[in-house]
Amino acid sequence: MTSPVLGIPAVDPALEASVRAGLEEVEERLADAVKSDDTLLAAASRHLMAAGGKRFRPLLALLAAQFGDPDAPGVVRAAVVVELTHVATRYHDDVQDEAPLRRGAPSANALWGNTVAILTGDFLFAKASDLLADLGPESVRIQARTFERLVQGQLRETQGPRDGDDPVGHYLGVLSDKTASLIATSARLGARHAGVPEPTVDLLARYGERIGMAFQLADDLLDIASESAVLGKTPGTDLREGVWTLPVLYARQSTDPADATLRALLDGPLHDDAVHAEALRLLRAHPAMTRARDMVRRYVSDARAVLAPLPDVPARDALVALCEAVATRPA
């Protein structure tokens, strides 16, 4: 049976009840955090928050807290901080990518323009910082360093690999900074504010970094392999927008003459529906997909290995189950 709260095989009723209560409180506090006396800002702030999402980062914060006191007052606040930060980056990303949709609905920049979308993201960052201030200077420092990595990852993605850089290595570095860093911080802050011993906090953060990489790489595969809008966007959106994710990078490395057509398609514009469909068809059948899946499994295996020294409690079982869920996502 799959847990409706965790989205993974159910491991323990008491754990599920605790996490469910925590996630419900997170939702309440998120709704409160995006309130504003300014009608436009309130509407724009609610837009992506109301669209929902996986709440992966708050979930990880709450699971990490299970290794200490999950009811400690700073735990839910930390979970809200990381989700506000994540959602704020989505507003900025949509402007950067000129994305018209987010989770199948019009993006904030499509509805209100780039300026409002950017300022809304800034507003959510400010809200996160306000909540963070009550968690103490060390948490502020952790968040600041995470934000540095988020910016660095976005900048590296915008610039692209330099001459002589390995494109795959560059891409993985971007994902580490832009995605995995905040997921690692989610585990770190959740554990710290539950009073978890520092060595265990470090292990949980290392787990978060690795499972974050696997999660994002699995999303890359879903964007290509899925026949339905599992990600809240049309399959092949990254491909159409010229975003070279891991399977594309592997396919472009091929020197097999049989791949000449695919390489030519990937190097050109894919705005035409027929051309886009052909590139997607060829890519789905290419060995690059298997190589990318192997990379997901490698990060999942690393994440699982990090968990080995942790206490044998239901929360560890849940984190192991999360590894399995990421490794077997339909792609």
C-alpha atoms as a PDB file:
ATOM      1  CA  MET A   1       0.000   0.000   0.000  1.00  0.00           C
ATOM      2  CA  THR A   2       1.261   3.450  -0.888  1.00  0.00           C
ATOM      3  CA  SER A   3       1.068   6.182   1.698  1.00  0.00           C
ATOM      4  CA  PRO A   4      -1.171   9.037   0.475  1.00  0.00           C
ATOM      5  CA  VAL A   5       0.933  11.421   2.546  1.00  0.00           C
ATOM      6  CA  LEU A   6       4.428  10.312   1.658  1.00  0.00           C
ATOM      7  CA  GLY A   7       3.744   9.041  -1.854  1.00  0.00           C
ATOM      8  CA  ILE A   8       5.872   5.994  -1.007  1.00  0.00           C
ATOM      9  CA  PRO A   9       5.103   2.553   0.433  1.00  0.00           C
ATOM     10  CA  ALA A  10       3.577   2.962   3.889  1.00  0.00           C
ATOM     11  CA  VAL A  11       6.129   2.086   6.566  1.00  0.00           C
ATOM     12  CA  ASP A  12       4.572   3.062   9.915  1.00  0.00           C
ATOM     13  CA  PRO A  13       1.137   4.444  10.921  1.00  0.00           C
ATOM     14  CA  ALA A  14       2.518   6.658  13.687  1.00  0.00           C
ATOM     15  CA  LEU A  15       5.131   8.153  11.360  1.00  0.00           C
ATOM     16  CA  GLU A  16       2.502   8.807   8.723  1.00  0.00           C
ATOM     17  CA  ALA A  17       0.209  10.493  11.240  1.00  0.00           C
ATOM     18  CA  SER A  18       3.042  12.708  12.453  1.00  0.00           C
ATOM     19  CA  VAL A  19       4.092  13.715   8.943  1.00  0.00           C
ATOM     20  CA  ARG A  20       0.487  14.253   7.870  1.00  0.00           C
ATOM     21  CA  ALA A  21      -0.072  16.641  10.767  1.00  0.00           C
ATOM     22  CA  GLY A  22       3.153  18.450   9.952  1.00  0.00           C
ATOM     23  CA  LEU A  23       2.295  18.857   6.267  1.00  0.00           C
ATOM     24  CA  GLU A  24      -1.173  20.154   7.131  1.00  0.00           C
ATOM     25  CA  GLU A  25       0.379  22.786   9.380  1.00  0.00           C
ATOM     26  CA  VAL A  26       2.875  23.651   6.640  1.00  0.00           C
ATOM     27  CA  GLU A  27      -0.004  24.271   4.227  1.00  0.00           C
ATOM     28  CA  GLU A  28      -1.767  26.522   6.727  1.00  0.00           C
ATOM     29  CA  ARG A  29       1.371  28.552   7.351  1.00  0.00           C
ATOM     30  CA  LEU A  30       2.154  28.814   3.634  1.00  0.00           C
ATOM     31  CA  ALA A  31      -1.323  30.225   3.021  1.00  0.00           C
ATOM     32  CA  ASP A  32      -0.779  32.731   5.816  1.00  0.00           C
ATOM     33  CA  ALA A  33       2.698  33.671   4.566  1.00  0.00           C
ATOM     34  CA  VAL A  34       1.498  34.772   1.126  1.00  0.00           C
ATOM     35  CA  LYS A  35      -1.106  37.185   2.455  1.00  0.00           C
ATOM     36  CA  SER A  36      -0.671  40.834   1.537  1.00  0.00           C
ATOM     37  CA  ASP A  37      -2.697  44.019   1.779  1.00  0.00           C
ATOM     38  CA  ASP A  38      -1.844  44.641  -1.867  1.00  0.00           C
ATOM     39  CA  THR A  39      -4.475  42.858  -3.975  1.00  0.00           C
ATOM     40  CA  LEU A  40      -2.185  42.194  -6.930  1.00  0.00           C
ATOM     41  CA  LEU A  41       0.678  40.915  -4.791  1.00  0.00           C
ATOM     42  CA  ALA A  42      -1.680  38.684  -2.812  1.00  0.00           C
ATOM     43  CA  ALA A  43      -3.145  37.185  -5.995  1.00  0.00           C
ATOM     44  CA  ALA A  44       0.230  36.678  -7.639  1.00  0.00           C
ATOM     45  CA  SER A  45       1.704  35.139  -4.472  1.00  0.00           C
ATOM     46  CA  ARG A  46      -1.170  32.697  -4.091  1.00  0.00           C
ATOM     47  CA  HIS A  47      -0.985  31.679  -7.733  1.00  0.00           C
ATOM     48  CA  LEU A  48       1.803  29.073  -7.611  1.00  0.00           C
ATOM     49  CA  MET A  49       1.222  28.211  -3.954  1.00  0.00           C
ATOM     50  CA  ALA A  50      -2.372  27.269  -4.725  1.00  0.00           C
ATOM     51  CA  ALA A  51      -1.222  25.172  -7.678  1.00  0.00           C
ATOM     52  CA  GLY A  52       0.160  22.746  -5.125  1.00  0.00           C
ATOM     53  CA  GLY A  53       3.134  20.577  -5.918  1.00  0.00           C
ATOM     54  CA  LYS A  54       4.958  17.650  -4.438  1.00  0.00           C
ATOM     55  CA  ARG A  55       5.970  19.537  -1.252  1.00  0.00           C
ATOM     56  CA  PHE A  56       9.080  17.370  -1.482  1.00  0.00           C
ATOM     57  CA  ARG A  57      11.231  19.764   0.526  1.00  0.00           C
ATOM     58  CA  PRO A  58       8.862  20.127   3.509  1.00  0.00           C
ATOM     59  CA  LEU A  59       8.367  16.366   3.460  1.00  0.00           C
ATOM     60  CA  LEU A  60      12.110  15.793   3.704  1.00  0.00           C
ATOM     61  CA  ALA A  61      12.418  18.362   6.494  1.00  0.00           C
ATOM     62  CA  LEU A  62       9.688  16.614   8.471  1.00  0.00           C
ATOM     63  CA  LEU A  63      11.167  13.153   7.904  1.00  0.00           C
ATOM     64  CA  ALA A  64      14.623  14.354   8.967  1.00  0.00           C
ATOM     65  CA  ALA A  65      13.068  15.764  12.129  1.00  0.00           C
ATOM     66  CA  GLN A  66      11.859  12.286  13.077  1.00  0.00           C
ATOM     67  CA  PHE A  67      15.418  11.458  14.165  1.00  0.00           C
ATOM     68  CA  GLY A  68      14.946  13.947  17.001  1.00  0.00           C
ATOM     69  CA  ASP A  69      11.844  15.696  18.350  1.00  0.00           C
ATOM     70  CA  PRO A  70       9.498  16.183  15.362  1.00  0.00           C
ATOM     71  CA  ASP A  71       7.196  18.344  17.498  1.00  0.00           C
ATOM     72  CA  ALA A  72       9.911  20.883  18.335  1.00  0.00           C
ATOM     73  CA  PRO A  73       8.656  24.413  17.544  1.00  0.00           C
ATOM     74  CA  GLY A  74      11.186  25.197  14.804  1.00  0.00           C
ATOM     75  CA  VAL A  75      10.549  22.131  12.645  1.00  0.00           C
ATOM     76  CA  VAL A  76       7.426  23.232  10.792  1.00  0.00           C
ATOM     77  CA  ARG A  77       8.783  26.769  10.497  1.00  0.00           C
ATOM     78  CA  ALA A  78      11.904  25.351   8.809  1.00  0.00           C
ATOM     79  CA  ALA A  79       9.715  23.314   6.446  1.00  0.00           C
ATOM     80  CA  VAL A  80       7.760  26.440   5.501  1.00  0.00           C
ATOM     81  CA  VAL A  81      10.982  28.393   4.901  1.00  0.00           C
ATOM     82  CA  VAL A  82      12.371  25.875   2.425  1.00  0.00           C
ATOM     83  CA  GLU A  83       9.096  25.634   0.522  1.00  0.00           C
ATOM     84  CA  LEU A  84       8.709  29.417   0.309  1.00  0.00           C
ATOM     85  CA  THR A  85      12.266  29.579  -1.018  1.00  0.00           C
ATOM     86  CA  HIS A  86      11.545  26.879  -3.570  1.00  0.00           C
ATOM     87  CA  VAL A  87       8.344  28.530  -4.812  1.00  0.00           C
ATOM     88  CA  ALA A  88      10.083  31.914  -5.016  1.00  0.00           C
ATOM     89  CA  THR A  89      12.701  30.402  -7.328  1.00  0.00           C
ATOM     90  CA  ARG A  90       9.922  29.078  -9.563  1.00  0.00           C
ATOM     91  CA  TYR A  91       8.656  32.615 -10.196  1.00  0.00           C
ATOM     92  CA  HIS A  92      12.150  33.721 -11.168  1.00  0.00           C
ATOM     93  CA  ASP A  93      12.778  30.593 -13.258  1.00  0.00           C
ATOM     94  CA  ASP A  94       9.614  31.125 -15.273  1.00  0.00           C
ATOM     95  CA  VAL A  95      10.777  34.622 -16.166  1.00  0.00           C
ATOM     96  CA  GLN A  96      14.248  33.342 -17.017  1.00  0.00           C
ATOM     97  CA  ASP A  97      12.805  30.560 -19.193  1.00  0.00           C
ATOM     98  CA  GLU A  98       9.986  32.703 -20.616  1.00  0.00           C
ATOM     99  CA  ALA A  99       7.694  29.861 -19.560  1.00  0.00           C
ATOM    100  CA  PRO A 100       4.000  30.353 -20.386  1.00  0.00           C
ATOM    101  CA  LEU A 101       2.836  27.497 -18.154  1.00  0.00           C
ATOM    102  CA  ARG A 102       3.569  26.171 -14.692  1.00  0.00           C
ATOM    103  CA  ARG A 103       1.940  22.852 -13.718  1.00  0.00           C
ATOM    104  CA  GLY A 104      -0.399  23.112 -16.688  1.00  0.00           C
ATOM    105  CA  ALA A 105      -1.698  26.570 -15.693  1.00  0.00           C
ATOM    106  CA  PRO A 106      -0.599  29.994 -16.947  1.00  0.00           C
ATOM    107  CA  SER A 107       2.590  31.134 -15.233  1.00  0.00           C
ATOM    108  CA  ALA A 108       2.643  34.321 -13.178  1.00  0.00           C
ATOM    109  CA  ASN A 109       4.706  36.085 -15.828  1.00  0.00           C
ATOM    110  CA  ALA A 110       2.172  35.093 -18.491  1.00  0.00           C
ATOM    111  CA  LEU A 111      -0.662  36.508 -16.391  1.00  0.00           C
ATOM    112  CA  TRP A 112       0.900  39.641 -14.928  1.00  0.00           C
ATOM    113  CA  GLY A 113       4.173  40.179 -16.773  1.00  0.00           C
ATOM    114  CA  ASN A 114       7.809  39.645 -15.879  1.00  0.00           C
ATOM    115  CA  THR A 115       8.113  42.543 -13.446  1.00  0.00           C
ATOM    116  CA  VAL A 116       5.258  41.350 -11.246  1.00  0.00           C
ATOM    117  CA  ALA A 117       6.542  37.759 -11.362  1.00  0.00           C
ATOM    118  CA  ILE A 118      10.050  38.822 -10.300  1.00  0.00           C
ATOM    119  CA  LEU A 119       8.741  41.034  -7.504  1.00  0.00           C
ATOM    120  CA  THR A 120       6.445  38.244  -6.319  1.00  0.00           C
ATOM    121  CA  GLY A 121       9.421  35.917  -6.085  1.00  0.00           C
ATOM    122  CA  ASP A 122      11.275  38.610  -4.134  1.00  0.00           C
ATOM    123  CA  PHE A 123       8.266  38.968  -1.819  1.00  0.00           C
ATOM    124  CA  LEU A 124       8.328  35.239  -1.050  1.00  0.00           C
ATOM    125  CA  PHE A 125      12.077  35.344  -0.421  1.00  0.00           C
ATOM    126  CA  ALA A 126      11.414  38.166   2.047  1.00  0.00           C
ATOM    127  CA  LYS A 127       8.704  36.137   3.759  1.00  0.00           C
ATOM    128  CA  ALA A 128      11.062  33.177   4.047  1.00  0.00           C
ATOM    129  CA  SER A 129      13.750  35.418   5.540  1.00  0.00           C
ATOM    130  CA  ASP A 130      11.323  36.840   8.071  1.00  0.00           C
ATOM    131  CA  LEU A 131      10.402  33.358   9.292  1.00  0.00           C
ATOM    132  CA  LEU A 132      14.032  32.293   9.210  1.00  0.00           C
ATOM    133  CA  ALA A 133      15.105  35.084  11.560  1.00  0.00           C
ATOM    134  CA  ASP A 134      13.333  33.324  14.430  1.00  0.00           C
ATOM    135  CA  LEU A 135      15.331  30.137  13.802  1.00  0.00           C
ATOM    136  CA  GLY A 136      18.635  31.682  14.828  1.00  0.00           C
ATOM    137  CA  PRO A 137      21.812  32.966  13.182  1.00  0.00           C
ATOM    138  CA  GLU A 138      23.185  29.541  12.197  1.00  0.00           C
ATOM    139  CA  SER A 139      20.020  28.753  10.218  1.00  0.00           C
ATOM    140  CA  VAL A 140      20.235  32.167   8.574  1.00  0.00           C
ATOM    141  CA  ARG A 141      23.817  31.353   7.603  1.00  0.00           C
ATOM    142  CA  ILE A 142      22.799  27.950   6.194  1.00  0.00           C
ATOM    143  CA  GLN A 143      20.034  29.554   4.150  1.00  0.00           C
ATOM    144  CA  ALA A 144      22.361  32.299   2.894  1.00  0.00           C
ATOM    145  CA  ARG A 145      24.889  29.765   1.685  1.00  0.00           C
ATOM    146  CA  THR A 146      22.134  27.758   0.037  1.00  0.00           C
ATOM    147  CA  PHE A 147      20.878  30.875  -1.699  1.00  0.00           C
ATOM    148  CA  GLU A 148      24.408  31.515  -2.937  1.00  0.00           C
ATOM    149  CA  ARG A 149      24.399  28.064  -4.535  1.00  0.00           C
ATOM    150  CA  LEU A 150      20.937  28.620  -6.048  1.00  0.00           C
ATOM    151  CA  VAL A 151      22.133  31.816  -7.725  1.00  0.00           C
ATOM    152  CA  GLN A 152      25.368  30.219  -8.820  1.00  0.00           C
ATOM    153  CA  GLY A 153      23.496  27.289 -10.371  1.00  0.00           C
ATOM    154  CA  GLN A 154      21.144  29.587 -12.261  1.00  0.00           C
ATOM    155  CA  LEU A 155      24.051  31.676 -13.523  1.00  0.00           C
ATOM    156  CA  ARG A 156      26.010  28.618 -14.651  1.00  0.00           C
ATOM    157  CA  GLU A 157      22.926  27.329 -16.460  1.00  0.00           C
ATOM    158  CA  THR A 158      22.460  30.690 -18.173  1.00  0.00           C
ATOM    159  CA  GLN A 159      26.093  30.900 -19.250  1.00  0.00           C
ATOM    160  CA  GLY A 160      26.368  27.288 -20.377  1.00  0.00           C
ATOM    161  CA  PRO A 161      29.567  25.242 -20.323  1.00  0.00           C
ATOM    162  CA  ARG A 162      32.786  27.065 -21.166  1.00  0.00           C
ATOM    163  CA  ASP A 163      35.129  25.912 -23.903  1.00  0.00           C
ATOM    164  CA  GLY A 164      36.754  22.690 -22.801  1.00  0.00           C
ATOM    165  CA  ASP A 165      34.135  21.933 -20.129  1.00  0.00           C
ATOM    166  CA  ASP A 166      32.470  18.536 -20.115  1.00  0.00           C
ATOM    167  CA  PRO A 167      28.789  19.319 -20.881  1.00  0.00           C
ATOM    168  CA  VAL A 168      27.569  16.443 -18.709  1.00  0.00           C
ATOM    169  CA  GLY A 169      29.753  17.496 -15.787  1.00  0.00           C
ATOM    170  CA  HIS A 170      28.584  21.083 -16.206  1.00  0.00           C
ATOM    171  CA  TYR A 171      24.936  20.011 -16.239  1.00  0.00           C
ATOM    172  CA  LEU A 172      25.300  17.877 -13.115  1.00  0.00           C
ATOM    173  CA  GLY A 173      27.017  20.802 -11.389  1.00  0.00           C
ATOM    174  CA  VAL A 174      24.092  23.054 -12.298  1.00  0.00           C
ATOM    175  CA  LEU A 175      21.605  20.562 -10.847  1.00  0.00           C
ATOM    176  CA  SER A 176      23.674  20.194  -7.685  1.00  0.00           C
ATOM    177  CA  ASP A 177      23.574  23.935  -7.033  1.00  0.00           C
ATOM    178  CA  LYS A 178      20.175  24.793  -8.457  1.00  0.00           C
ATOM    179  CA  THR A 179      18.140  21.858  -7.130  1.00  0.00           C
ATOM    180  CA  ALA A 180      19.963  19.521  -4.779  1.00  0.00           C
ATOM    181  CA  SER A 181      21.344  22.282  -2.534  1.00  0.00           C
ATOM    182  CA  LEU A 182      17.906  23.339  -1.271  1.00  0.00           C
ATOM    183  CA  ILE A 183      16.781  19.732  -0.823  1.00  0.00           C
ATOM    184  CA  ALA A 184      19.891  19.079   1.271  1.00  0.00           C
ATOM    185  CA  THR A 185      19.147  22.205   3.296  1.00  0.00           C
ATOM    186  CA  SER A 186      15.585  21.001   3.848  1.00  0.00           C
ATOM    187  CA  ALA A 187      16.888  17.889   5.569  1.00  0.00           C
ATOM    188  CA  ARG A 188      19.537  19.864   7.458  1.00  0.00           C
ATOM    189  CA  LEU A 189      17.152  22.487   8.852  1.00  0.00           C
ATOM    190  CA  GLY A 190      14.444  19.963   9.714  1.00  0.00           C
ATOM    191  CA  ALA A 191      16.931  17.820  11.622  1.00  0.00           C
ATOM    192  CA  ARG A 192      18.704  20.736  13.354  1.00  0.00           C
ATOM    193  CA  HIS A 193      15.492  22.171  14.724  1.00  0.00           C
ATOM    194  CA  ALA A 194      14.421  18.765  16.004  1.00  0.00           C
ATOM    195  CA  GLY A 195      17.575  18.615  18.108  1.00  0.00           C
ATOM    196  CA  VAL A 196      19.207  15.853  16.049  1.00  0.00           C
ATOM    197  CA  PRO A 197      22.926  15.354  16.840  1.00  0.00           C
ATOM    198  CA  GLU A 198      25.167  17.164  14.375  1.00  0.00           C
ATOM    199  CA  PRO A 199      26.786  14.039  12.835  1.00  0.00           C
ATOM    200  CA  THR A 200      23.317  12.730  11.994  1.00  0.00           C
ATOM    201  CA  VAL A 201      22.299  16.149  10.667  1.00  0.00           C
ATOM    202  CA  ASP A 202      25.265  16.005   8.294  1.00  0.00           C
ATOM    203  CA  LEU A 203      24.314  12.511   7.113  1.00  0.00           C
ATOM    204  CA  LEU A 204      20.735  13.599   6.440  1.00  0.00           C
ATOM    205  CA  ALA A 205      21.943  16.620   4.478  1.00  0.00           C
ATOM    206  CA  ARG A 206      24.230  14.389   2.408  1.00  0.00           C
ATOM    207  CA  TYR A 207      21.268  12.133   1.743  1.00  0.00           C
ATOM    208  CA  GLY A 208      19.214  15.163   0.692  1.00  0.00           C
ATOM    209  CA  GLU A 209      21.866  16.270  -1.800  1.00  0.00           C
ATOM    210  CA  ARG A 210      21.972  12.844  -3.446  1.00  0.00           C
ATOM    211  CA  ILE A 211      18.248  12.144  -3.495  1.00  0.00           C
ATOM    212  CA  GLY A 212      17.745  15.678  -4.822  1.00  0.00           C
ATOM    213  CA  MET A 213      20.012  14.921  -7.782  1.00  0.00           C
ATOM    214  CA  ALA A 214      18.193  11.666  -8.458  1.00  0.00           C
ATOM    215  CA  PHE A 215      14.799  13.349  -8.202  1.00  0.00           C
ATOM    216  CA  GLN A 216      15.664  16.073 -10.713  1.00  0.00           C
ATOM    217  CA  LEU A 217      17.304  13.662 -13.151  1.00  0.00           C
ATOM    218  CA  ALA A 218      14.196  11.478 -12.962  1.00  0.00           C
ATOM    219  CA  ASP A 219      12.140  14.571 -13.846  1.00  0.00           C
ATOM    220  CA  ASP A 220      14.392  15.063 -16.874  1.00  0.00           C
ATOM    221  CA  LEU A 221      13.566  11.544 -18.002  1.00  0.00           C
ATOM    222  CA  LEU A 222       9.851  12.025 -17.392  1.00  0.00           C
ATOM    223  CA  ASP A 223       9.850  15.110 -19.595  1.00  0.00           C
ATOM    224  CA  ILE A 224      10.995  12.950 -22.489  1.00  0.00           C
ATOM    225  CA  ALA A 225       9.523   9.528 -21.783  1.00  0.00           C
ATOM    226  CA  SER A 226       6.088  10.329 -20.428  1.00  0.00           C
ATOM    227  CA  GLU A 227       3.107  10.039 -22.740  1.00  0.00           C
ATOM    228  CA  SER A 228       1.018  12.314 -20.538  1.00  0.00           C
ATOM    229  CA  ALA A 229       1.518  15.632 -18.790  1.00  0.00           C
ATOM    230  CA  VAL A 230       2.787  14.006 -15.588  1.00  0.00           C
ATOM    231  CA  LEU A 231       4.887  17.049 -14.768  1.00  0.00           C
ATOM    232  CA  GLY A 232       2.132  19.572 -15.339  1.00  0.00           C
ATOM    233  CA  LYS A 233       3.482  20.433 -18.772  1.00  0.00           C
ATOM    234  CA  THR A 234       3.450  18.906 -22.230  1.00  0.00           C
ATOM    235  CA  PRO A 235       6.013  16.089 -22.566  1.00  0.00           C
ATOM    236  CA  GLY A 236       9.104  17.247 -24.405  1.00  0.00           C
ATOM    237  CA  THR A 237       8.803  20.833 -23.161  1.00  0.00           C
ATOM    238  CA  ASP A 238      12.479  21.042 -22.228  1.00  0.00           C
ATOM    239  CA  LEU A 239      13.394  19.641 -25.624  1.00  0.00           C
ATOM    240  CA  ARG A 240      11.232  22.160 -27.462  1.00  0.00           C
ATOM    241  CA  GLU A 241      12.720  25.033 -25.465  1.00  0.00           C
ATOM    242  CA  GLY A 242      16.273  23.949 -26.261  1.00  0.00           C
ATOM    243  CA  VAL A 243      17.060  22.849 -22.705  1.00  0.00           C
ATOM    244  CA  TRP A 244      19.630  20.071 -22.994  1.00  0.00           C
ATOM    245  CA  THR A 245      18.949  17.673 -20.135  1.00  0.00           C
ATOM    246  CA  LEU A 246      21.039  14.577 -19.452  1.00  0.00           C
ATOM    247  CA  PRO A 247      19.512  12.249 -22.099  1.00  0.00           C
ATOM    248  CA  VAL A 248      19.973  14.938 -24.761  1.00  0.00           C
ATOM    249  CA  LEU A 249      23.578  15.532 -23.727  1.00  0.00           C
ATOM    250  CA  TYR A 250      24.315  11.820 -23.929  1.00  0.00           C
ATOM    251  CA  ALA A 251      22.629  11.538 -27.348  1.00  0.00           C
ATOM    252  CA  ARG A 252      24.630  14.483 -28.673  1.00  0.00           C
ATOM    253  CA  GLN A 253      27.852  12.742 -27.617  1.00  0.00           C
ATOM    254  CA  SER A 254      27.115   9.800 -29.909  1.00  0.00           C
ATOM    255  CA  THR A 255      29.378   9.329 -32.928  1.00  0.00           C
ATOM    256  CA  ASP A 256      27.263   6.520 -34.371  1.00  0.00           C
ATOM    257  CA  PRO A 257      26.317   7.383 -37.994  1.00  0.00           C
ATOM    258  CA  ALA A 258      22.873   5.949 -37.271  1.00  0.00           C
ATOM    259  CA  ASP A 259      22.291   8.852 -34.879  1.00  0.00           C
ATOM    260  CA  ALA A 260      23.048  11.552 -37.450  1.00  0.00           C
ATOM    261  CA  THR A 261      19.373  12.408 -37.923  1.00  0.00           C
ATOM    262  CA  LEU A 262      18.738  12.751 -34.190  1.00  0.00           C
ATOM    263  CA  ARG A 263      21.859  14.873 -33.669  1.00  0.00           C
ATOM    264  CA  ALA A 264      20.825  17.160 -36.521  1.00  0.00           C
ATOM    265  CA  LEU A 265      17.349  17.567 -35.034  1.00  0.00           C
ATOM    266  CA  LEU A 266      18.740  18.310 -31.572  1.00  0.00           C
ATOM    267  CA  ASP A 267      21.076  20.938 -32.990  1.00  0.00           C
ATOM    268  CA  GLY A 268      18.260  22.788 -34.728  1.00  0.00           C
ATOM    269  CA  PRO A 269      15.053  24.521 -33.642  1.00  0.00           C
ATOM    270  CA  LEU A 270      12.262  22.200 -32.514  1.00  0.00           C
ATOM    271  CA  HIS A 271       9.343  24.597 -32.659  1.00  0.00           C
ATOM    272  CA  ASP A 272       7.589  22.737 -35.469  1.00  0.00           C
ATOM    273  CA  ASP A 273       5.283  20.060 -33.996  1.00  0.00           C
ATOM    274  CA  ALA A 274       6.235  17.389 -36.521  1.00  0.00           C
ATOM    275  CA  VAL A 275       9.974  17.980 -36.093  1.00  0.00           C
ATOM    276  CA  HIS A 276       9.602  18.025 -32.322  1.00  0.00           C
ATOM    277  CA  ALA A 277       7.630  14.762 -32.363  1.00  0.00           C
ATOM    278  CA  GLU A 278      10.272  13.057 -34.489  1.00  0.00           C
ATOM    279  CA  ALA A 279      13.104  14.169 -32.213  1.00  0.00           C
ATOM    280  CA  LEU A 280      11.134  12.955 -29.203  1.00  0.00           C
ATOM    281  CA  ARG A 281      10.466   9.584 -30.859  1.00  0.00           C
ATOM    282  CA  LEU A 282      14.127   9.035 -31.732  1.00  0.00           C
ATOM    283  CA  LEU A 283      15.320  10.157 -28.326  1.00  0.00           C
ATOM    284  CA  ARG A 284      12.925   7.859 -26.480  1.00  0.00           C
ATOM    285  CA  ALA A 285      14.373   4.874 -28.338  1.00  0.00           C
ATOM    286  CA  HIS A 286      18.009   5.953 -27.922  1.00  0.00           C
ATOM    287  CA  PRO A 287      20.497   4.269 -25.532  1.00  0.00           C
ATOM    288  CA  ALA A 288      20.980   7.725 -23.982  1.00  0.00           C
ATOM    289  CA  MET A 289      17.765   7.116 -22.028  1.00  0.00           C
ATOM    290  CA  THR A 290      19.235   3.967 -20.473  1.00  0.00           C
ATOM    291  CA  ARG A 291      22.441   5.818 -19.590  1.00  0.00           C
ATOM    292  CA  ALA A 292      20.432   8.578 -17.936  1.00  0.00           C
ATOM    293  CA  ARG A 293      18.383   6.033 -15.974  1.00  0.00           C
ATOM    294  CA  ASP A 294      21.639   4.457 -14.827  1.00  0.00           C
ATOM    295  CA  MET A 295      22.742   7.861 -13.524  1.00  0.00           C
ATOM    296  CA  VAL A 296      19.502   8.168 -11.533  1.00  0.00           C
ATOM    297  CA  ARG A 297      20.123   4.738 -10.025  1.00  0.00           C
ATOM    298  CA  ARG A 298      23.688   5.719  -9.164  1.00  0.00           C
ATOM    299  CA  TYR A 299      22.547   8.729  -7.142  1.00  0.00           C
ATOM    300  CA  VAL A 300      19.780   6.679  -5.537  1.00  0.00           C
ATOM    301  CA  SER A 301      22.306   4.020  -4.554  1.00  0.00           C
ATOM    302  CA  ASP A 302      24.572   6.691  -3.071  1.00  0.00           C
ATOM    303  CA  ALA A 303      21.653   8.172  -1.132  1.00  0.00           C
ATOM    304  CA  ARG A 304      20.685   4.756   0.230  1.00  0.00           C
ATOM    305  CA  ALA A 305      24.283   4.086   1.296  1.00  0.00           C
ATOM    306  CA  VAL A 306      24.377   7.338   3.274  1.00  0.00           C
ATOM    307  CA  LEU A 307      21.443   6.096   5.346  1.00  0.00           C
ATOM    308  CA  ALA A 308      23.209   2.944   6.561  1.00  0.00           C
ATOM    309  CA  PRO A 309      24.681   4.460   9.786  1.00  0.00           C
ATOM    310  CA  LEU A 310      21.390   6.070  10.832  1.00  0.00           C
ATOM    311  CA  PRO A 311      19.291   4.611  13.656  1.00  0.00           C
ATOM    312  CA  ASP A 312      16.945   1.824  12.574  1.00  0.00           C
ATOM    313  CA  VAL A 313      13.694   3.747  12.995  1.00  0.00           C
ATOM    314  CA  PRO A 314      10.613   4.124  10.757  1.00  0.00           C
ATOM    315  CA  ALA A 315      11.902   7.443   9.404  1.00  0.00           C
ATOM    316  CA  ARG A 316      14.937   5.679   7.971  1.00  0.00           C
ATOM    317  CA  ASP A 317      12.631   3.109   6.361  1.00  0.00           C
ATOM    318  CA  ALA A 318      10.674   5.997   4.836  1.00  0.00           C
ATOM    319  CA  LEU A 319      13.841   7.569   3.430  1.00  0.00           C
ATOM    320  CA  VAL A 320      14.868   4.203   1.962  1.00  0.00           C
ATOM    321  CA  ALA A 321      11.381   3.860   0.452  1.00  0.00           C
ATOM    322  CA  LEU A 322      11.774   7.327  -1.007  1.00  0.00           C
ATOM    323  CA  CYS A 323      14.930   6.107  -2.749  1.00  0.00           C
ATOM    324  CA  GLU A 324      12.983   3.229  -4.271  1.00  0.00           C
ATOM    325  CA  ALA A 325      10.157   5.547  -5.345  1.00  0.00           C
ATOM    326  CA  VAL A 326      12.570   7.844  -7.163  1.00  0.00           C
ATOM    327  CA  ALA A 327      14.438   4.951  -8.783  1.00  0.00           C
ATOM    328  CA  THR A 328      11.231   3.428 -10.139  1.00  0.00           C
ATOM    329  CA  ARG A 329       9.405   6.567 -11.292  1.00  0.00           C
ATOM    330  CA  PRO A 330       7.758   5.775 -14.633  1.00  0.00           C
ATOM    331  CA  ALA A 331      10.184   7.041 -17.252  1.00  0.00           C
END
